Amino acid sequence: MISAKKCFGIAAALSLVQAAHAQDLHFSQFFEAPLLRNPALAGIFTGDMRVQALHRSQWNSLTQAYKTTSLNGEYKMPIGKANDFLTVGLQMLYDQAGTVSWKTTHVLPTLNYHKSLSNEVNRYLSIGFSGGYVQSRFDRSKMETSTSFNGGGDGESMATPQYGYFDVATGASFNTQWSQNSDNNLFVAVAYHHFNRPRRSFFQDDDVALAPKVVVSGGIKLSVTERSYFNLQGDVSRQGTNQNIIVGALYGFKLGEELDKPKYTLHGGAFLRLNDAFIPVIRLDYHPFSVSFSYDVNISRLKTSTMGRGGYELGISFTGRNKHREEMKGVIFCPKY
């Protein structure tokens, strides 16, 4: 008799056929992976450099956990005598799915140009591009189908258990501060991913293009008191026939005597991925570091099988300044997630 775990492994292996029709990888803490959302969101933070790491583990209650790790870095440089800036960045992503050890690695350099629209407040229009190499592979020795038990191997006509392709994305964003209080700001952005329609397949005769994806993002940060604020965030993405909507808010409270540079800032709130998960989130800022944690409570049709258990995410980030050059003028604002 085949175990439940092996049955799931078979299903995962067969799902390779439909891989090109699936949605891209996503995070519940999407605000901690800005370069994945939109290359035009690179550099929208207070400081000169930032490094962020985010790890997700899910479906532990069904099979071997699906694990995804994101690591991105950004560095801002002034251009000319105006308040314009250029951000160079790098997005790396590693994903391992299911019992067949299906692994995907993304290496995506990013470039974003920020055009200043005001000399009085932080107001920028940004145009960004990202492009790089993606490799996907799996362990064929762990794949089992019905022919495996008849001495016929796995019965699949695959040329190789791995493939690679180049992927390209572009986007635009607008952000502005509407008062002297930096806690009052907003941004809107739109991105177009996979516009080169890369081909990807494990099969010899299959020729399936990766569907382009459009992501519309927005956020608004509102001051409540001198020490507190609300930050509302949302993404709407569409890829082929698949649509993903996630919205929510965090409440931030500053601790310490200096409100402009608080020693600690504590955040708490929740997000909702429509028809999929309810996501409580907590975050602590202790400059120059931030740590965040979230958990997906499954509300989809799988909630009976998973008993509501989805997955957790853990994030950590570092934001710093370049001490060897004069402080940047008109630093681009950053919504404090």
C-alpha atoms as a PDB file:
ATOM      1  CA  MET A   1       0.000   0.000   0.000  1.00  0.00           C
ATOM      2  CA  ILE A   2       1.271   3.483  -0.864  1.00  0.00           C
ATOM      3  CA  SER A   3       1.584   5.866   2.078  1.00  0.00           C
ATOM      4  CA  ALA A   4      -0.238   9.189   2.147  1.00  0.00           C
ATOM      5  CA  LYS A   5       3.074  11.031   1.890  1.00  0.00           C
ATOM      6  CA  LYS A   6       4.048   9.047  -1.225  1.00  0.00           C
ATOM      7  CA  CYS A   7       0.651   9.695  -2.759  1.00  0.00           C
ATOM      8  CA  PHE A   8       1.198  13.394  -2.234  1.00  0.00           C
ATOM      9  CA  GLY A   9       4.642  13.047  -3.786  1.00  0.00           C
ATOM     10  CA  ILE A  10       3.050  11.450  -6.868  1.00  0.00           C
ATOM     11  CA  ALA A  11       0.565  14.304  -7.097  1.00  0.00           C
ATOM     12  CA  ALA A  12       3.354  16.823  -6.764  1.00  0.00           C
ATOM     13  CA  ALA A  13       5.312  15.127  -9.524  1.00  0.00           C
ATOM     14  CA  LEU A  14       2.352  15.052 -11.870  1.00  0.00           C
ATOM     15  CA  SER A  15       1.649  18.688 -11.128  1.00  0.00           C
ATOM     16  CA  LEU A  16       4.872  19.538 -12.957  1.00  0.00           C
ATOM     17  CA  VAL A  17       2.845  19.296 -16.144  1.00  0.00           C
ATOM     18  CA  GLN A  18       0.667  22.176 -15.028  1.00  0.00           C
ATOM     19  CA  ALA A  19       3.447  24.212 -13.410  1.00  0.00           C
ATOM     20  CA  ALA A  20       3.430  26.933 -16.031  1.00  0.00           C
ATOM     21  CA  HIS A  21      -0.222  27.695 -15.316  1.00  0.00           C
ATOM     22  CA  ALA A  22       0.265  28.220 -11.573  1.00  0.00           C
ATOM     23  CA  GLN A  23       0.638  31.515  -9.790  1.00  0.00           C
ATOM     24  CA  ASP A  24       4.029  32.898  -8.844  1.00  0.00           C
ATOM     25  CA  LEU A  25       5.419  32.363  -5.368  1.00  0.00           C
ATOM     26  CA  HIS A  26       4.070  34.859  -2.872  1.00  0.00           C
ATOM     27  CA  PHE A  27       4.580  35.945   0.725  1.00  0.00           C
ATOM     28  CA  SER A  28       2.042  36.965   3.345  1.00  0.00           C
ATOM     29  CA  GLN A  29       4.501  39.653   4.473  1.00  0.00           C
ATOM     30  CA  PHE A  30       4.625  40.998   0.925  1.00  0.00           C
ATOM     31  CA  PHE A  31       5.735  44.388   2.300  1.00  0.00           C
ATOM     32  CA  GLU A  32       9.008  42.756   3.419  1.00  0.00           C
ATOM     33  CA  ALA A  33       9.864  41.704  -0.159  1.00  0.00           C
ATOM     34  CA  PRO A  34       9.366  44.945  -2.155  1.00  0.00           C
ATOM     35  CA  LEU A  35      11.492  43.916  -5.152  1.00  0.00           C
ATOM     36  CA  LEU A  36       9.254  40.882  -5.697  1.00  0.00           C
ATOM     37  CA  ARG A  37       6.187  43.134  -5.727  1.00  0.00           C
ATOM     38  CA  ASN A  38       7.565  45.730  -8.102  1.00  0.00           C
ATOM     39  CA  PRO A  39      11.115  46.760  -9.127  1.00  0.00           C
ATOM     40  CA  ALA A  40       9.919  50.384  -8.855  1.00  0.00           C
ATOM     41  CA  LEU A  41       9.529  49.897  -5.079  1.00  0.00           C
ATOM     42  CA  ALA A  42      13.285  49.426  -4.672  1.00  0.00           C
ATOM     43  CA  GLY A  43      14.827  52.215  -2.617  1.00  0.00           C
ATOM     44  CA  ILE A  44      11.629  53.512  -1.033  1.00  0.00           C
ATOM     45  CA  PHE A  45      12.949  53.622   2.514  1.00  0.00           C
ATOM     46  CA  THR A  46      14.700  56.109   4.789  1.00  0.00           C
ATOM     47  CA  GLY A  47      18.427  55.470   4.610  1.00  0.00           C
ATOM     48  CA  ASP A  48      21.120  54.599   2.088  1.00  0.00           C
ATOM     49  CA  MET A  49      21.118  50.803   2.158  1.00  0.00           C
ATOM     50  CA  ARG A  50      18.823  47.978   3.206  1.00  0.00           C
ATOM     51  CA  VAL A  51      19.048  44.186   3.422  1.00  0.00           C
ATOM     52  CA  GLN A  52      15.928  42.065   4.028  1.00  0.00           C
ATOM     53  CA  ALA A  53      15.487  38.334   4.574  1.00  0.00           C
ATOM     54  CA  LEU A  54      12.151  36.528   4.708  1.00  0.00           C
ATOM     55  CA  HIS A  55      11.470  32.820   5.252  1.00  0.00           C
ATOM     56  CA  ARG A  56       8.149  31.013   4.762  1.00  0.00           C
ATOM     57  CA  SER A  57       7.194  27.455   5.700  1.00  0.00           C
ATOM     58  CA  GLN A  58       3.751  26.046   4.873  1.00  0.00           C
ATOM     59  CA  TRP A  59       1.651  22.882   4.474  1.00  0.00           C
ATOM     60  CA  ASN A  60       3.436  21.076   7.317  1.00  0.00           C
ATOM     61  CA  SER A  61       0.125  19.443   8.249  1.00  0.00           C
ATOM     62  CA  LEU A  62      -0.243  17.780   4.812  1.00  0.00           C
ATOM     63  CA  THR A  63       3.234  16.755   3.675  1.00  0.00           C
ATOM     64  CA  GLN A  64       6.860  17.760   3.807  1.00  0.00           C
ATOM     65  CA  ALA A  65       6.891  21.511   4.309  1.00  0.00           C
ATOM     66  CA  TYR A  66       7.061  23.859   1.349  1.00  0.00           C
ATOM     67  CA  LYS A  67       9.828  26.336   2.152  1.00  0.00           C
ATOM     68  CA  THR A  68      10.552  29.665   0.480  1.00  0.00           C
ATOM     69  CA  THR A  69      13.334  32.112   1.347  1.00  0.00           C
ATOM     70  CA  SER A  70      13.782  35.627  -0.028  1.00  0.00           C
ATOM     71  CA  LEU A  71      16.912  37.763   0.320  1.00  0.00           C
ATOM     72  CA  ASN A  72      17.168  41.230  -1.186  1.00  0.00           C
ATOM     73  CA  GLY A  73      19.540  44.158  -0.916  1.00  0.00           C
ATOM     74  CA  GLU A  74      19.242  47.801  -2.021  1.00  0.00           C
ATOM     75  CA  TYR A  75      21.672  50.707  -2.258  1.00  0.00           C
ATOM     76  CA  LYS A  76      20.729  54.307  -3.134  1.00  0.00           C
ATOM     77  CA  MET A  77      22.895  56.854  -4.915  1.00  0.00           C
ATOM     78  CA  PRO A  78      22.196  60.553  -5.642  1.00  0.00           C
ATOM     79  CA  ILE A  79      22.257  61.692  -9.272  1.00  0.00           C
ATOM     80  CA  GLY A  80      23.336  65.170 -10.357  1.00  0.00           C
ATOM     81  CA  LYS A  81      22.511  68.305  -8.377  1.00  0.00           C
ATOM     82  CA  ALA A  82      18.790  67.665  -8.065  1.00  0.00           C
ATOM     83  CA  ASN A  83      17.066  65.444  -5.522  1.00  0.00           C
ATOM     84  CA  ASP A  84      16.933  62.528  -7.943  1.00  0.00           C
ATOM     85  CA  PHE A  85      18.222  59.096  -6.952  1.00  0.00           C
ATOM     86  CA  LEU A  86      19.165  55.772  -8.437  1.00  0.00           C
ATOM     87  CA  THR A  87      18.694  52.487  -6.568  1.00  0.00           C
ATOM     88  CA  VAL A  88      20.590  49.338  -7.467  1.00  0.00           C
ATOM     89  CA  GLY A  89      19.360  46.112  -5.941  1.00  0.00           C
ATOM     90  CA  LEU A  90      19.466  42.344  -6.038  1.00  0.00           C
ATOM     91  CA  GLN A  91      16.588  39.955  -5.380  1.00  0.00           C
ATOM     92  CA  MET A  92      17.358  36.312  -4.656  1.00  0.00           C
ATOM     93  CA  LEU A  93      14.687  33.695  -4.076  1.00  0.00           C
ATOM     94  CA  TYR A  94      14.920  30.011  -3.185  1.00  0.00           C
ATOM     95  CA  ASP A  95      11.943  27.665  -3.029  1.00  0.00           C
ATOM     96  CA  GLN A  96      11.708  23.951  -2.209  1.00  0.00           C
ATOM     97  CA  ALA A  97       8.367  22.234  -2.677  1.00  0.00           C
ATOM     98  CA  GLY A  98       7.086  18.804  -1.677  1.00  0.00           C
ATOM     99  CA  THR A  99       8.568  15.331  -1.414  1.00  0.00           C
ATOM    100  CA  VAL A 100      10.229  15.435  -4.874  1.00  0.00           C
ATOM    101  CA  SER A 101      12.445  18.318  -3.686  1.00  0.00           C
ATOM    102  CA  TRP A 102      11.287  20.620  -6.469  1.00  0.00           C
ATOM    103  CA  LYS A 103      13.712  23.549  -6.107  1.00  0.00           C
ATOM    104  CA  THR A 104      13.616  26.922  -7.833  1.00  0.00           C
ATOM    105  CA  THR A 105      16.293  29.611  -7.577  1.00  0.00           C
ATOM    106  CA  HIS A 106      15.863  33.210  -8.784  1.00  0.00           C
ATOM    107  CA  VAL A 107      18.709  35.744  -9.143  1.00  0.00           C
ATOM    108  CA  LEU A 108      17.277  39.086 -10.275  1.00  0.00           C
ATOM    109  CA  PRO A 109      19.336  42.323 -10.357  1.00  0.00           C
ATOM    110  CA  THR A 110      17.191  45.480 -10.092  1.00  0.00           C
ATOM    111  CA  LEU A 111      17.600  49.111 -11.177  1.00  0.00           C
ATOM    112  CA  ASN A 112      15.199  51.900 -10.156  1.00  0.00           C
ATOM    113  CA  TYR A 113      15.322  55.607 -11.033  1.00  0.00           C
ATOM    114  CA  HIS A 114      13.553  58.085  -8.719  1.00  0.00           C
ATOM    115  CA  LYS A 115      12.587  61.457 -10.182  1.00  0.00           C
ATOM    116  CA  SER A 116      11.906  64.167  -7.585  1.00  0.00           C
ATOM    117  CA  LEU A 117       8.662  66.086  -8.151  1.00  0.00           C
ATOM    118  CA  SER A 118       8.998  68.559  -5.267  1.00  0.00           C
ATOM    119  CA  ASN A 119      11.692  70.529  -3.458  1.00  0.00           C
ATOM    120  CA  GLU A 120       9.544  70.925  -0.340  1.00  0.00           C
ATOM    121  CA  VAL A 121       8.296  67.422   0.486  1.00  0.00           C
ATOM    122  CA  ASN A 122       9.296  63.890  -0.417  1.00  0.00           C
ATOM    123  CA  ARG A 123       7.453  63.282  -3.690  1.00  0.00           C
ATOM    124  CA  TYR A 124       8.842  60.915  -6.289  1.00  0.00           C
ATOM    125  CA  LEU A 125       7.963  59.161  -9.518  1.00  0.00           C
ATOM    126  CA  SER A 126      10.002  55.967  -9.963  1.00  0.00           C
ATOM    127  CA  ILE A 127      10.601  53.691 -12.935  1.00  0.00           C
ATOM    128  CA  GLY A 128      12.201  50.306 -12.244  1.00  0.00           C
ATOM    129  CA  PHE A 129      13.451  47.251 -14.127  1.00  0.00           C
ATOM    130  CA  SER A 130      14.599  43.831 -13.019  1.00  0.00           C
ATOM    131  CA  GLY A 131      15.890  40.872 -14.978  1.00  0.00           C
ATOM    132  CA  GLY A 132      17.895  37.761 -14.318  1.00  0.00           C
ATOM    133  CA  TYR A 133      18.132  34.003 -14.415  1.00  0.00           C
ATOM    134  CA  VAL A 134      15.780  31.415 -12.922  1.00  0.00           C
ATOM    135  CA  GLN A 135      16.607  27.716 -12.538  1.00  0.00           C
ATOM    136  CA  SER A 136      14.148  24.983 -11.581  1.00  0.00           C
ATOM    137  CA  ARG A 137      14.965  21.340 -10.816  1.00  0.00           C
ATOM    138  CA  PHE A 138      13.688  18.322  -8.878  1.00  0.00           C
ATOM    139  CA  ASP A 139      14.964  14.987  -7.615  1.00  0.00           C
ATOM    140  CA  ARG A 140      13.670  12.425 -10.115  1.00  0.00           C
ATOM    141  CA  SER A 141      14.638   9.530  -7.847  1.00  0.00           C
ATOM    142  CA  LYS A 142      11.955  10.693  -5.397  1.00  0.00           C
ATOM    143  CA  MET A 143       9.179  10.772  -8.002  1.00  0.00           C
ATOM    144  CA  GLU A 144       6.854   7.744  -8.034  1.00  0.00           C
ATOM    145  CA  THR A 145       4.005   6.970 -10.443  1.00  0.00           C
ATOM    146  CA  SER A 146       2.050   3.796 -11.202  1.00  0.00           C
ATOM    147  CA  THR A 147       4.722   2.617 -13.675  1.00  0.00           C
ATOM    148  CA  SER A 148       7.326   2.791 -10.907  1.00  0.00           C
ATOM    149  CA  PHE A 149       5.849  -0.380  -9.405  1.00  0.00           C
ATOM    150  CA  ASN A 150       5.911  -2.227 -12.755  1.00  0.00           C
ATOM    151  CA  GLY A 151       9.594  -1.720 -13.421  1.00  0.00           C
ATOM    152  CA  GLY A 152       8.920   1.000 -15.973  1.00  0.00           C
ATOM    153  CA  GLY A 153      10.651   3.874 -14.242  1.00  0.00           C
ATOM    154  CA  ASP A 154       8.467   6.889 -13.594  1.00  0.00           C
ATOM    155  CA  GLY A 155       6.856   6.743 -17.038  1.00  0.00           C
ATOM    156  CA  GLU A 156       7.578  10.393 -17.856  1.00  0.00           C
ATOM    157  CA  SER A 157       9.382  11.480 -21.061  1.00  0.00           C
ATOM    158  CA  MET A 158      11.477  14.256 -19.591  1.00  0.00           C
ATOM    159  CA  ALA A 159      14.694  15.336 -21.270  1.00  0.00           C
ATOM    160  CA  THR A 160      16.171  16.541 -18.000  1.00  0.00           C
ATOM    161  CA  PRO A 161      15.019  17.085 -14.401  1.00  0.00           C
ATOM    162  CA  GLN A 162      15.997  20.756 -14.613  1.00  0.00           C
ATOM    163  CA  TYR A 163      15.607  23.813 -16.815  1.00  0.00           C
ATOM    164  CA  GLY A 164      16.431  27.521 -16.713  1.00  0.00           C
ATOM    165  CA  TYR A 165      15.228  30.759 -18.279  1.00  0.00           C
ATOM    166  CA  PHE A 166      15.690  34.524 -18.220  1.00  0.00           C
ATOM    167  CA  ASP A 167      12.929  36.570 -16.610  1.00  0.00           C
ATOM    168  CA  VAL A 168      12.242  40.311 -16.937  1.00  0.00           C
ATOM    169  CA  ALA A 169       9.908  42.726 -15.117  1.00  0.00           C
ATOM    170  CA  THR A 170       9.233  46.452 -15.078  1.00  0.00           C
ATOM    171  CA  GLY A 171       7.149  48.823 -12.998  1.00  0.00           C
ATOM    172  CA  ALA A 172       6.340  52.370 -11.941  1.00  0.00           C
ATOM    173  CA  SER A 173       5.497  53.904  -8.568  1.00  0.00           C
ATOM    174  CA  PHE A 174       4.464  57.272  -7.151  1.00  0.00           C
ATOM    175  CA  ASN A 175       4.946  58.229  -3.514  1.00  0.00           C
ATOM    176  CA  THR A 176       4.330  61.460  -1.672  1.00  0.00           C
ATOM    177  CA  GLN A 177       4.283  62.989   1.786  1.00  0.00           C
ATOM    178  CA  TRP A 178       1.327  65.352   2.099  1.00  0.00           C
ATOM    179  CA  SER A 179       2.283  67.166   5.325  1.00  0.00           C
ATOM    180  CA  GLN A 180       5.347  67.942   7.431  1.00  0.00           C
ATOM    181  CA  ASN A 181       4.552  64.875   9.482  1.00  0.00           C
ATOM    182  CA  SER A 182       6.458  61.974   7.893  1.00  0.00           C
ATOM    183  CA  ASP A 183       3.781  59.617   9.229  1.00  0.00           C
ATOM    184  CA  ASN A 184       1.371  60.987   6.621  1.00  0.00           C
ATOM    185  CA  ASN A 185       2.247  59.588   3.207  1.00  0.00           C
ATOM    186  CA  LEU A 186       1.004  57.295   0.480  1.00  0.00           C
ATOM    187  CA  PHE A 187       2.169  55.337  -2.540  1.00  0.00           C
ATOM    188  CA  VAL A 188       0.647  53.640  -5.570  1.00  0.00           C
ATOM    189  CA  ALA A 189       2.456  51.313  -7.967  1.00  0.00           C
ATOM    190  CA  VAL A 190       1.909  48.989 -10.906  1.00  0.00           C
ATOM    191  CA  ALA A 191       4.230  46.236 -12.165  1.00  0.00           C
ATOM    192  CA  TYR A 192       4.318  43.956 -15.202  1.00  0.00           C
ATOM    193  CA  HIS A 193       6.188  40.700 -14.587  1.00  0.00           C
ATOM    194  CA  HIS A 194       7.354  38.080 -17.140  1.00  0.00           C
ATOM    195  CA  PHE A 195       6.694  40.414 -20.067  1.00  0.00           C
ATOM    196  CA  ASN A 196       9.250  38.438 -22.093  1.00  0.00           C
ATOM    197  CA  ARG A 197       6.994  35.356 -21.660  1.00  0.00           C
ATOM    198  CA  PRO A 198       9.789  32.891 -20.831  1.00  0.00           C
ATOM    199  CA  ARG A 199       9.347  29.262 -21.830  1.00  0.00           C
ATOM    200  CA  ARG A 200       9.691  26.641 -19.118  1.00  0.00           C
ATOM    201  CA  SER A 201       9.074  22.921 -19.080  1.00  0.00           C
ATOM    202  CA  PHE A 202      10.597  19.634 -17.966  1.00  0.00           C
ATOM    203  CA  PHE A 203       9.104  17.861 -20.998  1.00  0.00           C
ATOM    204  CA  GLN A 204      10.762  17.313 -24.364  1.00  0.00           C
ATOM    205  CA  ASP A 205       7.864  18.341 -26.582  1.00  0.00           C
ATOM    206  CA  ASP A 206       6.068  20.793 -24.320  1.00  0.00           C
ATOM    207  CA  ASP A 207       6.247  24.486 -25.178  1.00  0.00           C
ATOM    208  CA  VAL A 208       4.426  26.468 -22.504  1.00  0.00           C
ATOM    209  CA  ALA A 209       5.059  30.171 -21.845  1.00  0.00           C
ATOM    210  CA  LEU A 210       4.976  31.647 -18.370  1.00  0.00           C
ATOM    211  CA  ALA A 211       1.957  33.948 -18.278  1.00  0.00           C
ATOM    212  CA  PRO A 212       2.658  37.647 -17.606  1.00  0.00           C
ATOM    213  CA  LYS A 213       1.526  38.992 -14.244  1.00  0.00           C
ATOM    214  CA  VAL A 214       0.183  42.456 -13.412  1.00  0.00           C
ATOM    215  CA  VAL A 215       0.488  43.671  -9.813  1.00  0.00           C
ATOM    216  CA  VAL A 216      -1.243  46.827  -8.555  1.00  0.00           C
ATOM    217  CA  SER A 217      -0.013  47.962  -5.132  1.00  0.00           C
ATOM    218  CA  GLY A 218      -1.003  50.751  -2.790  1.00  0.00           C
ATOM    219  CA  GLY A 219      -0.526  51.972   0.743  1.00  0.00           C
ATOM    220  CA  ILE A 220      -1.369  54.865   2.991  1.00  0.00           C
ATOM    221  CA  LYS A 221       0.152  55.798   6.313  1.00  0.00           C
ATOM    222  CA  LEU A 222      -1.916  57.926   8.694  1.00  0.00           C
ATOM    223  CA  SER A 223      -0.794  59.561  11.914  1.00  0.00           C
ATOM    224  CA  VAL A 224      -3.105  58.864  14.877  1.00  0.00           C
ATOM    225  CA  THR A 225      -1.152  60.557  17.689  1.00  0.00           C
ATOM    226  CA  GLU A 226       2.411  61.846  18.030  1.00  0.00           C
ATOM    227  CA  ARG A 227       3.440  58.314  18.970  1.00  0.00           C
ATOM    228  CA  SER A 228       1.217  56.169  16.786  1.00  0.00           C
ATOM    229  CA  TYR A 229       0.004  55.627  13.228  1.00  0.00           C
ATOM    230  CA  PHE A 230      -1.856  53.230  10.975  1.00  0.00           C
ATOM    231  CA  ASN A 231      -0.282  51.721   7.873  1.00  0.00           C
ATOM    232  CA  LEU A 232      -2.704  50.220   5.332  1.00  0.00           C
ATOM    233  CA  GLN A 233      -1.284  48.056   2.543  1.00  0.00           C
ATOM    234  CA  GLY A 234      -2.693  46.051  -0.332  1.00  0.00           C
ATOM    235  CA  ASP A 235      -1.750  44.140  -3.481  1.00  0.00           C
ATOM    236  CA  VAL A 236      -3.964  42.944  -6.320  1.00  0.00           C
ATOM    237  CA  SER A 237      -2.278  40.623  -8.811  1.00  0.00           C
ATOM    238  CA  ARG A 238      -3.519  38.787 -11.860  1.00  0.00           C
ATOM    239  CA  GLN A 239      -1.644  36.089 -13.778  1.00  0.00           C
ATOM    240  CA  GLY A 240      -3.533  34.273 -16.509  1.00  0.00           C
ATOM    241  CA  THR A 241      -6.826  33.184 -14.970  1.00  0.00           C
ATOM    242  CA  ASN A 242      -5.480  33.400 -11.412  1.00  0.00           C
ATOM    243  CA  GLN A 243      -6.086  36.391  -9.173  1.00  0.00           C
ATOM    244  CA  ASN A 244      -4.649  37.138  -5.753  1.00  0.00           C
ATOM    245  CA  ILE A 245      -5.859  39.922  -3.447  1.00  0.00           C
ATOM    246  CA  ILE A 246      -4.285  40.713  -0.092  1.00  0.00           C
ATOM    247  CA  VAL A 247      -5.124  43.732   2.099  1.00  0.00           C
ATOM    248  CA  GLY A 248      -4.625  44.702   5.710  1.00  0.00           C
ATOM    249  CA  ALA A 249      -3.243  47.171   8.218  1.00  0.00           C
ATOM    250  CA  LEU A 250      -0.657  47.515  10.966  1.00  0.00           C
ATOM    251  CA  TYR A 251      -0.843  49.817  13.986  1.00  0.00           C
ATOM    252  CA  GLY A 252       2.537  51.275  14.966  1.00  0.00           C
ATOM    253  CA  PHE A 253       3.459  52.675  18.387  1.00  0.00           C
ATOM    254  CA  LYS A 254       6.747  54.495  19.080  1.00  0.00           C
ATOM    255  CA  LEU A 255       8.625  53.907  22.337  1.00  0.00           C
ATOM    256  CA  GLY A 256      11.322  56.255  23.605  1.00  0.00           C
ATOM    257  CA  GLU A 257      11.842  59.974  24.149  1.00  0.00           C
ATOM    258  CA  GLU A 258      12.820  60.972  20.589  1.00  0.00           C
ATOM    259  CA  LEU A 259       9.736  60.603  18.413  1.00  0.00           C
ATOM    260  CA  ASP A 260      11.657  61.342  15.198  1.00  0.00           C
ATOM    261  CA  LYS A 261      14.108  58.549  16.027  1.00  0.00           C
ATOM    262  CA  PRO A 262      12.313  56.240  18.469  1.00  0.00           C
ATOM    263  CA  LYS A 263      14.353  53.581  20.221  1.00  0.00           C
ATOM    264  CA  TYR A 264      11.649  50.988  19.511  1.00  0.00           C
ATOM    265  CA  THR A 265       8.552  50.889  17.322  1.00  0.00           C
ATOM    266  CA  LEU A 266       6.073  48.072  17.913  1.00  0.00           C
ATOM    267  CA  HIS A 267       3.592  47.055  15.197  1.00  0.00           C
ATOM    268  CA  GLY A 268       0.601  44.770  15.306  1.00  0.00           C
ATOM    269  CA  GLY A 269      -2.207  44.024  12.881  1.00  0.00           C
ATOM    270  CA  ALA A 270      -3.575  41.578  10.353  1.00  0.00           C
ATOM    271  CA  PHE A 271      -3.973  40.951   6.640  1.00  0.00           C
ATOM    272  CA  LEU A 272      -6.482  38.985   4.609  1.00  0.00           C
ATOM    273  CA  ARG A 273      -5.662  36.991   1.491  1.00  0.00           C
ATOM    274  CA  LEU A 274      -9.073  36.751  -0.121  1.00  0.00           C
ATOM    275  CA  ASN A 275     -10.585  33.242  -0.035  1.00  0.00           C
ATOM    276  CA  ASP A 276      -7.322  31.824   1.324  1.00  0.00           C
ATOM    277  CA  ALA A 277      -5.958  32.998   4.688  1.00  0.00           C
ATOM    278  CA  PHE A 278      -6.296  35.361   7.633  1.00  0.00           C
ATOM    279  CA  ILE A 279      -2.835  36.571   8.654  1.00  0.00           C
ATOM    280  CA  PRO A 280      -1.970  38.106  12.068  1.00  0.00           C
ATOM    281  CA  VAL A 281       1.324  40.041  11.988  1.00  0.00           C
ATOM    282  CA  ILE A 282       3.664  41.500  14.609  1.00  0.00           C
ATOM    283  CA  ARG A 283       6.826  43.528  13.997  1.00  0.00           C
ATOM    284  CA  LEU A 284       9.448  45.204  16.174  1.00  0.00           C
ATOM    285  CA  ASP A 285      11.792  47.933  14.908  1.00  0.00           C
ATOM    286  CA  TYR A 286      14.991  48.440  16.897  1.00  0.00           C
ATOM    287  CA  HIS A 287      17.115  50.639  14.665  1.00  0.00           C
ATOM    288  CA  PRO A 288      18.850  49.603  12.481  1.00  0.00           C
ATOM    289  CA  PHE A 289      17.164  46.183  12.718  1.00  0.00           C
ATOM    290  CA  SER A 290      13.570  44.995  12.349  1.00  0.00           C
ATOM    291  CA  VAL A 291      12.064  41.585  13.116  1.00  0.00           C
ATOM    292  CA  SER A 292       8.613  40.423  12.001  1.00  0.00           C
ATOM    293  CA  PHE A 293       6.475  37.311  12.365  1.00  0.00           C
ATOM    294  CA  SER A 294       3.185  36.239  10.788  1.00  0.00           C
ATOM    295  CA  TYR A 295       1.044  33.121  10.621  1.00  0.00           C
ATOM    296  CA  ASP A 296      -1.483  32.087   7.971  1.00  0.00           C
ATOM    297  CA  VAL A 297      -4.778  30.824   9.363  1.00  0.00           C
ATOM    298  CA  ASN A 298      -6.244  28.828   6.485  1.00  0.00           C
ATOM    299  CA  ILE A 299      -9.808  29.811   5.532  1.00  0.00           C
ATOM    300  CA  SER A 300      -9.834  28.198   2.078  1.00  0.00           C
ATOM    301  CA  ARG A 301     -11.566  24.964   1.044  1.00  0.00           C
ATOM    302  CA  LEU A 302      -8.544  23.113   2.448  1.00  0.00           C
ATOM    303  CA  LYS A 303      -9.229  24.329   6.001  1.00  0.00           C
ATOM    304  CA  THR A 304     -10.810  20.983   6.977  1.00  0.00           C
ATOM    305  CA  SER A 305      -7.756  18.987   5.874  1.00  0.00           C
ATOM    306  CA  THR A 306      -5.269  21.473   7.309  1.00  0.00           C
ATOM    307  CA  MET A 307      -7.310  22.160  10.479  1.00  0.00           C
ATOM    308  CA  GLY A 308      -6.821  25.849   9.709  1.00  0.00           C
ATOM    309  CA  ARG A 309      -3.043  25.584   9.770  1.00  0.00           C
ATOM    310  CA  GLY A 310      -1.337  27.351   6.887  1.00  0.00           C
ATOM    311  CA  GLY A 311       2.232  28.485   7.416  1.00  0.00           C
ATOM    312  CA  TYR A 312       4.470  30.920   9.235  1.00  0.00           C
ATOM    313  CA  GLU A 313       6.818  33.630   8.009  1.00  0.00           C
ATOM    314  CA  LEU A 314       9.794  35.144   9.788  1.00  0.00           C
ATOM    315  CA  GLY A 315      11.463  38.321   8.551  1.00  0.00           C
ATOM    316  CA  ILE A 316      14.521  40.348   9.521  1.00  0.00           C
ATOM    317  CA  SER A 317      15.916  43.510   7.959  1.00  0.00           C
ATOM    318  CA  PHE A 318      18.799  45.945   8.358  1.00  0.00           C
ATOM    319  CA  THR A 319      18.688  49.590   7.256  1.00  0.00           C
ATOM    320  CA  GLY A 320      21.796  51.778   7.356  1.00  0.00           C
ATOM    321  CA  ARG A 321      23.463  54.930   6.115  1.00  0.00           C
ATOM    322  CA  ASN A 322      26.703  55.537   4.244  1.00  0.00           C
ATOM    323  CA  LYS A 323      28.882  57.350   6.773  1.00  0.00           C
ATOM    324  CA  HIS A 324      31.498  58.226   4.159  1.00  0.00           C
ATOM    325  CA  ARG A 325      29.408  60.709   2.243  1.00  0.00           C
ATOM    326  CA  GLU A 326      27.254  63.703   3.061  1.00  0.00           C
ATOM    327  CA  GLU A 327      23.728  62.877   4.176  1.00  0.00           C
ATOM    328  CA  MET A 328      21.413  62.539   1.190  1.00  0.00           C
ATOM    329  CA  LYS A 329      19.040  65.402   0.470  1.00  0.00           C
ATOM    330  CA  GLY A 330      15.321  64.753   0.309  1.00  0.00           C
ATOM    331  CA  VAL A 331      15.564  61.122   1.360  1.00  0.00           C
ATOM    332  CA  ILE A 332      12.729  59.093  -0.124  1.00  0.00           C
ATOM    333  CA  PHE A 333      10.084  58.392   2.474  1.00  0.00           C
ATOM    334  CA  CYS A 334       9.378  54.879   3.629  1.00  0.00           C
ATOM    335  CA  PRO A 335       6.058  53.621   4.970  1.00  0.00           C
ATOM    336  CA  LYS A 336       6.956  51.988   8.296  1.00  0.00           C
ATOM    337  CA  TYR A 337       5.479  48.514   8.006  1.00  0.00           C
END
